[in-house]
Amino acid sequence: QVRLAESGGGSVQAGGSLRLSCIISGYSWSKYCMGWFRQSPGKEREGVAALDSDGKTSYIESVQGRFTISKDNTKNTVYLQMDSLKPEDSAIYFCATDLGGLSGHYCYAGFVAAYWGQGTEVTVSL
């Protein structure tokens, strides 16, 4: 079965940085879409970043230039480097993947995900 496990969340001061990691197992597709979503109590869940199997990345405007999504060479871990963090970035962050097997159709921040991690909490204070 597909398993996703996030880590790296925590509490930081505004302007600080965090790096989230997501180890993915049971997912062997060579064509895929992977990404990060976030949700805070007062807001809808939103797609933050996405990465496809061709290396194309996508971000929501609010994090453009501050967040970077990447994966390691073994393709089993996806990262989200978060710099210049703001209080409004506070949320539970979820790693997610699509069903796999297709590429080039739709892989942008907010893509339709099929598998989800348990979430890791990020708190940014002034």
N, C-alpha and C. Protein backbone atom coordinates (compact mmCIF):
# COMPACT_ATOMS: atom_id res chain seq x y z
N GLN A 1 0.82 -1.17 0.00
CA GLN A 1 0.00 0.00 0.00
C GLN A 1 0.88 1.25 0.00
N VAL A 2 0.29 2.34 -0.46
CA VAL A 2 1.00 3.60 -0.52
C VAL A 2 1.02 4.23 0.87
N ARG A 3 2.19 4.64 1.29
CA ARG A 3 2.36 5.30 2.58
C ARG A 3 3.14 6.59 2.39
N LEU A 4 2.69 7.64 3.04
CA LEU A 4 3.37 8.91 3.04
C LEU A 4 3.51 9.37 4.49
N ALA A 5 4.70 9.81 4.85
CA ALA A 5 4.95 10.25 6.21
C ALA A 5 5.74 11.55 6.20
N GLU A 6 5.13 12.62 6.71
CA GLU A 6 5.79 13.92 6.77
C GLU A 6 6.54 14.10 8.08
N SER A 7 7.55 14.96 8.02
CA SER A 7 8.28 15.35 9.21
C SER A 7 8.92 16.70 8.96
N GLY A 8 9.40 17.33 10.00
CA GLY A 8 10.11 18.59 9.87
C GLY A 8 9.35 19.81 10.35
N GLY A 9 8.10 19.64 10.72
CA GLY A 9 7.33 20.77 11.23
C GLY A 9 7.84 21.22 12.58
N GLY A 10 7.39 22.38 13.00
CA GLY A 10 7.81 22.92 14.28
C GLY A 10 7.40 24.36 14.43
N SER A 11 7.96 25.02 15.43
CA SER A 11 7.67 26.42 15.71
C SER A 11 8.89 27.27 15.40
N VAL A 12 8.67 28.33 14.65
CA VAL A 12 9.75 29.24 14.27
C VAL A 12 9.28 30.68 14.35
N GLN A 13 10.24 31.58 14.42
CA GLN A 13 9.95 33.00 14.37
C GLN A 13 9.72 33.45 12.93
N ALA A 14 8.93 34.48 12.75
CA ALA A 14 8.73 35.05 11.42
C ALA A 14 10.08 35.37 10.80
N GLY A 15 10.22 35.03 9.52
CA GLY A 15 11.48 35.23 8.83
C GLY A 15 12.38 34.02 8.86
N GLY A 16 12.04 33.04 9.67
CA GLY A 16 12.84 31.84 9.77
C GLY A 16 12.55 30.84 8.67
N SER A 17 13.19 29.67 8.78
CA SER A 17 13.07 28.65 7.76
C SER A 17 12.79 27.28 8.36
N LEU A 18 12.14 26.44 7.59
CA LEU A 18 11.92 25.05 7.93
C LEU A 18 12.00 24.23 6.66
N ARG A 19 12.40 22.97 6.80
CA ARG A 19 12.41 22.05 5.68
C ARG A 19 11.57 20.83 6.02
N LEU A 20 10.49 20.65 5.29
CA LEU A 20 9.62 19.51 5.48
C LEU A 20 10.07 18.36 4.59
N SER A 21 9.94 17.15 5.10
CA SER A 21 10.29 15.96 4.35
C SER A 21 9.11 15.01 4.31
N CYS A 22 9.00 14.26 3.23
CA CYS A 22 7.93 13.28 3.09
C CYS A 22 8.51 12.02 2.46
N ILE A 23 8.57 10.96 3.25
CA ILE A 23 9.03 9.68 2.72
C ILE A 23 7.84 8.95 2.14
N ILE A 24 7.98 8.48 0.91
CA ILE A 24 6.91 7.81 0.19
C ILE A 24 7.29 6.37 -0.08
N SER A 25 6.41 5.44 0.23
CA SER A 25 6.65 4.03 -0.02
C SER A 25 5.44 3.42 -0.73
N GLY A 26 5.67 2.31 -1.43
CA GLY A 26 4.59 1.63 -2.12
C GLY A 26 4.06 2.37 -3.33
N TYR A 27 4.87 3.24 -3.90
CA TYR A 27 4.47 4.07 -5.03
C TYR A 27 5.59 4.02 -6.05
N SER A 28 5.41 3.20 -7.09
CA SER A 28 6.48 2.92 -8.04
C SER A 28 6.28 3.51 -9.43
N TRP A 29 5.32 4.38 -9.60
CA TRP A 29 5.05 4.98 -10.91
C TRP A 29 6.21 5.85 -11.38
N SER A 30 6.56 5.72 -12.65
CA SER A 30 7.59 6.56 -13.23
C SER A 30 7.03 7.92 -13.63
N LYS A 31 5.73 8.00 -13.81
CA LYS A 31 5.04 9.25 -14.09
C LYS A 31 4.14 9.57 -12.91
N TYR A 32 4.29 10.76 -12.37
CA TYR A 32 3.58 11.08 -11.14
C TYR A 32 3.45 12.59 -10.94
N CYS A 33 2.64 12.92 -9.96
CA CYS A 33 2.53 14.28 -9.47
C CYS A 33 2.56 14.21 -7.95
N MET A 34 3.45 14.93 -7.36
CA MET A 34 3.59 14.97 -5.91
C MET A 34 3.52 16.41 -5.44
N GLY A 35 3.11 16.61 -4.21
CA GLY A 35 3.05 17.98 -3.74
C GLY A 35 2.68 18.13 -2.29
N TRP A 36 2.48 19.38 -1.91
CA TRP A 36 2.16 19.75 -0.54
C TRP A 36 0.89 20.58 -0.49
N PHE A 37 0.09 20.31 0.52
CA PHE A 37 -1.11 21.08 0.83
C PHE A 37 -1.00 21.56 2.26
N ARG A 38 -1.82 22.53 2.62
CA ARG A 38 -1.84 22.99 4.00
C ARG A 38 -3.25 23.38 4.40
N GLN A 39 -3.51 23.31 5.70
CA GLN A 39 -4.81 23.68 6.21
C GLN A 39 -4.68 24.25 7.62
N SER A 40 -5.28 25.40 7.84
CA SER A 40 -5.36 26.01 9.15
C SER A 40 -6.82 26.00 9.58
N PRO A 41 -7.09 26.12 10.89
CA PRO A 41 -8.47 26.01 11.39
C PRO A 41 -9.47 26.95 10.71
N GLY A 42 -9.05 28.15 10.36
CA GLY A 42 -9.96 29.12 9.78
C GLY A 42 -9.96 29.20 8.26
N LYS A 43 -9.30 28.27 7.60
CA LYS A 43 -9.20 28.33 6.15
C LYS A 43 -9.43 26.97 5.51
N GLU A 44 -9.79 27.00 4.23
CA GLU A 44 -9.92 25.78 3.45
C GLU A 44 -8.54 25.20 3.17
N ARG A 45 -8.50 23.89 2.97
CA ARG A 45 -7.26 23.27 2.58
C ARG A 45 -6.85 23.81 1.21
N GLU A 46 -5.60 24.16 1.05
CA GLU A 46 -5.13 24.71 -0.20
C GLU A 46 -3.86 24.01 -0.67
N GLY A 47 -3.73 23.90 -1.97
CA GLY A 47 -2.52 23.35 -2.54
C GLY A 47 -1.41 24.39 -2.50
N VAL A 48 -0.24 23.98 -2.05
CA VAL A 48 0.88 24.89 -1.88
C VAL A 48 1.90 24.76 -3.00
N ALA A 49 2.29 23.53 -3.30
CA ALA A 49 3.32 23.29 -4.29
C ALA A 49 3.13 21.92 -4.92
N ALA A 50 3.62 21.76 -6.13
CA ALA A 50 3.53 20.48 -6.83
C ALA A 50 4.79 20.26 -7.66
N LEU A 51 5.09 18.99 -7.88
CA LEU A 51 6.26 18.58 -8.65
C LEU A 51 5.89 17.37 -9.48
N ASP A 52 6.11 17.42 -10.79
CA ASP A 52 5.81 16.28 -11.62
C ASP A 52 7.06 15.49 -11.95
N SER A 53 6.87 14.36 -12.65
CA SER A 53 7.97 13.45 -12.94
C SER A 53 8.97 14.00 -13.95
N ASP A 54 8.62 15.09 -14.61
CA ASP A 54 9.53 15.76 -15.54
C ASP A 54 10.34 16.86 -14.85
N GLY A 55 10.08 17.08 -13.58
CA GLY A 55 10.80 18.09 -12.84
C GLY A 55 10.14 19.45 -12.83
N LYS A 56 8.98 19.57 -13.41
CA LYS A 56 8.27 20.85 -13.43
C LYS A 56 7.65 21.12 -12.07
N THR A 57 7.81 22.35 -11.60
CA THR A 57 7.27 22.74 -10.30
C THR A 57 6.18 23.78 -10.45
N SER A 58 5.33 23.85 -9.44
CA SER A 58 4.24 24.81 -9.43
C SER A 58 4.00 25.25 -8.00
N TYR A 59 3.67 26.53 -7.81
CA TYR A 59 3.44 27.09 -6.49
C TYR A 59 2.25 28.04 -6.51
N ILE A 60 1.58 28.16 -5.38
CA ILE A 60 0.59 29.21 -5.27
C ILE A 60 1.32 30.54 -5.12
N GLU A 61 0.67 31.61 -5.54
CA GLU A 61 1.30 32.92 -5.58
C GLU A 61 1.84 33.36 -4.22
N SER A 62 1.14 33.02 -3.16
CA SER A 62 1.51 33.50 -1.84
C SER A 62 2.84 32.95 -1.33
N VAL A 63 3.32 31.85 -1.90
CA VAL A 63 4.59 31.27 -1.46
C VAL A 63 5.67 31.35 -2.53
N GLN A 64 5.32 31.84 -3.70
CA GLN A 64 6.27 31.94 -4.81
C GLN A 64 7.50 32.74 -4.38
N GLY A 65 8.67 32.17 -4.61
CA GLY A 65 9.91 32.83 -4.25
C GLY A 65 10.37 32.55 -2.84
N ARG A 66 9.51 31.97 -2.02
CA ARG A 66 9.87 31.67 -0.64
C ARG A 66 9.97 30.16 -0.38
N PHE A 67 9.13 29.38 -1.06
CA PHE A 67 9.10 27.93 -0.88
C PHE A 67 9.70 27.25 -2.11
N THR A 68 10.33 26.10 -1.89
CA THR A 68 10.90 25.32 -2.98
C THR A 68 10.59 23.84 -2.76
N ILE A 69 9.97 23.22 -3.75
CA ILE A 69 9.68 21.79 -3.67
C ILE A 69 10.75 21.03 -4.47
N SER A 70 11.17 19.90 -3.95
CA SER A 70 12.18 19.09 -4.61
C SER A 70 12.06 17.65 -4.16
N LYS A 71 12.80 16.76 -4.81
CA LYS A 71 12.85 15.37 -4.40
C LYS A 71 14.28 14.89 -4.50
N ASP A 72 14.59 13.80 -3.78
CA ASP A 72 15.95 13.27 -3.85
C ASP A 72 16.10 12.36 -5.06
N ASN A 73 17.32 11.91 -5.32
CA ASN A 73 17.61 11.13 -6.51
C ASN A 73 16.95 9.75 -6.53
N THR A 74 16.61 9.25 -5.38
CA THR A 74 15.97 7.94 -5.31
C THR A 74 14.47 8.01 -5.52
N LYS A 75 13.94 9.21 -5.58
CA LYS A 75 12.51 9.47 -5.82
C LYS A 75 11.60 8.94 -4.72
N ASN A 76 12.17 8.73 -3.55
CA ASN A 76 11.34 8.23 -2.46
C ASN A 76 11.04 9.28 -1.39
N THR A 77 11.60 10.48 -1.58
CA THR A 77 11.38 11.54 -0.61
C THR A 77 11.15 12.87 -1.33
N VAL A 78 10.12 13.57 -0.91
CA VAL A 78 9.84 14.89 -1.44
C VAL A 78 10.02 15.91 -0.32
N TYR A 79 10.57 17.06 -0.65
CA TYR A 79 10.87 18.09 0.34
C TYR A 79 10.12 19.38 0.04
N LEU A 80 9.94 20.16 1.08
CA LEU A 80 9.45 21.51 0.92
C LEU A 80 10.32 22.42 1.77
N GLN A 81 11.19 23.17 1.11
CA GLN A 81 12.03 24.14 1.79
C GLN A 81 11.24 25.43 1.92
N MET A 82 11.04 25.89 3.14
CA MET A 82 10.25 27.08 3.41
C MET A 82 11.14 28.15 4.03
N ASP A 83 11.31 29.24 3.32
CA ASP A 83 12.12 30.36 3.78
C ASP A 83 11.25 31.60 3.97
N SER A 84 11.78 32.55 4.71
CA SER A 84 11.07 33.81 4.96
C SER A 84 9.64 33.56 5.42
N LEU A 85 9.49 32.68 6.38
CA LEU A 85 8.17 32.28 6.84
C LEU A 85 7.41 33.43 7.48
N LYS A 86 6.11 33.43 7.27
CA LYS A 86 5.21 34.44 7.79
C LYS A 86 4.17 33.78 8.69
N PRO A 87 3.59 34.54 9.63
CA PRO A 87 2.55 33.95 10.49
C PRO A 87 1.42 33.30 9.71
N GLU A 88 1.06 33.85 8.57
CA GLU A 88 -0.01 33.28 7.76
C GLU A 88 0.35 31.95 7.12
N ASP A 89 1.61 31.54 7.22
CA ASP A 89 2.02 30.22 6.75
C ASP A 89 1.71 29.14 7.78
N SER A 90 1.33 29.53 8.98
CA SER A 90 1.02 28.56 10.02
C SER A 90 -0.13 27.66 9.59
N ALA A 91 0.07 26.36 9.66
CA ALA A 91 -0.93 25.40 9.22
C ALA A 91 -0.41 23.99 9.46
N ILE A 92 -1.28 23.03 9.24
CA ILE A 92 -0.84 21.65 9.16
C ILE A 92 -0.53 21.38 7.69
N TYR A 93 0.65 20.90 7.42
CA TYR A 93 1.08 20.64 6.05
C TYR A 93 0.99 19.15 5.74
N PHE A 94 0.41 18.85 4.60
CA PHE A 94 0.22 17.47 4.16
C PHE A 94 0.97 17.20 2.87
N CYS A 95 1.64 16.09 2.82
CA CYS A 95 2.24 15.60 1.59
C CYS A 95 1.21 14.75 0.86
N ALA A 96 1.23 14.79 -0.47
CA ALA A 96 0.23 14.05 -1.24
C ALA A 96 0.76 13.65 -2.61
N THR A 97 0.16 12.62 -3.18
CA THR A 97 0.48 12.16 -4.53
C THR A 97 -0.79 11.87 -5.30
N ASP A 98 -0.68 11.83 -6.62
CA ASP A 98 -1.81 11.43 -7.43
C ASP A 98 -1.81 9.91 -7.57
N LEU A 99 -2.68 9.38 -8.44
CA LEU A 99 -2.76 7.93 -8.63
C LEU A 99 -1.54 7.37 -9.34
N GLY A 100 -0.85 8.20 -10.10
CA GLY A 100 0.32 7.78 -10.84
C GLY A 100 -0.02 7.20 -12.19
N GLY A 101 0.98 7.15 -13.08
CA GLY A 101 0.81 6.55 -14.39
C GLY A 101 0.57 7.52 -15.53
N LEU A 102 0.18 8.74 -15.21
CA LEU A 102 -0.06 9.75 -16.22
C LEU A 102 0.78 10.98 -15.92
N SER A 103 1.12 11.71 -16.95
CA SER A 103 1.87 12.94 -16.79
C SER A 103 1.50 13.92 -17.88
N GLY A 104 1.75 15.18 -17.61
CA GLY A 104 1.52 16.21 -18.60
C GLY A 104 0.08 16.68 -18.73
N HIS A 105 -0.81 16.16 -17.89
CA HIS A 105 -2.20 16.57 -17.94
C HIS A 105 -2.48 17.72 -16.97
N TYR A 106 -2.25 17.46 -15.69
CA TYR A 106 -2.47 18.49 -14.68
C TYR A 106 -1.64 18.18 -13.44
N CYS A 107 -0.62 18.95 -13.23
CA CYS A 107 0.18 18.82 -12.02
C CYS A 107 0.60 20.22 -11.59
N TYR A 108 -0.32 20.87 -10.91
CA TYR A 108 -0.10 22.20 -10.37
C TYR A 108 -0.47 22.20 -8.90
N ALA A 109 -0.07 23.25 -8.21
CA ALA A 109 -0.47 23.38 -6.82
C ALA A 109 -1.99 23.24 -6.73
N GLY A 110 -2.44 22.33 -5.88
CA GLY A 110 -3.86 22.07 -5.76
C GLY A 110 -4.35 20.92 -6.62
N PHE A 111 -3.44 20.12 -7.15
CA PHE A 111 -3.82 18.98 -7.98
C PHE A 111 -4.71 18.01 -7.20
N VAL A 112 -5.44 17.16 -7.95
CA VAL A 112 -6.30 16.18 -7.32
C VAL A 112 -5.44 15.04 -6.78
N ALA A 113 -5.36 14.94 -5.47
CA ALA A 113 -4.53 13.96 -4.82
C ALA A 113 -5.30 12.70 -4.48
N ALA A 114 -4.59 11.58 -4.47
CA ALA A 114 -5.19 10.29 -4.14
C ALA A 114 -4.69 9.74 -2.82
N TYR A 115 -3.45 10.05 -2.47
CA TYR A 115 -2.84 9.53 -1.25
C TYR A 115 -2.30 10.68 -0.42
N TRP A 116 -2.47 10.57 0.88
CA TRP A 116 -2.12 11.65 1.80
C TRP A 116 -1.30 11.17 2.97
N GLY A 117 -0.43 12.04 3.46
CA GLY A 117 0.27 11.77 4.69
C GLY A 117 -0.57 12.21 5.87
N GLN A 118 -0.02 12.04 7.06
CA GLN A 118 -0.77 12.36 8.28
C GLN A 118 -0.70 13.82 8.66
N GLY A 119 0.22 14.56 8.08
CA GLY A 119 0.35 15.97 8.36
C GLY A 119 1.43 16.28 9.37
N THR A 120 2.03 17.46 9.24
CA THR A 120 3.01 17.95 10.19
C THR A 120 2.72 19.42 10.43
N GLU A 121 2.70 19.83 11.69
CA GLU A 121 2.25 21.18 12.03
C GLU A 121 3.39 22.19 11.98
N VAL A 122 3.09 23.33 11.38
CA VAL A 122 4.03 24.44 11.29
C VAL A 122 3.41 25.65 11.97
N THR A 123 4.13 26.23 12.91
CA THR A 123 3.67 27.43 13.61
C THR A 123 4.71 28.52 13.47
N VAL A 124 4.28 29.66 12.95
CA VAL A 124 5.17 30.80 12.76
C VAL A 124 4.67 31.96 13.61
N SER A 125 5.50 32.44 14.49
CA SER A 125 5.12 33.52 15.40
C SER A 125 5.96 34.76 15.13
N LEU A 126 5.47 35.90 15.62
CA LEU A 126 6.18 37.16 15.46
C LEU A 126 7.34 37.26 16.41
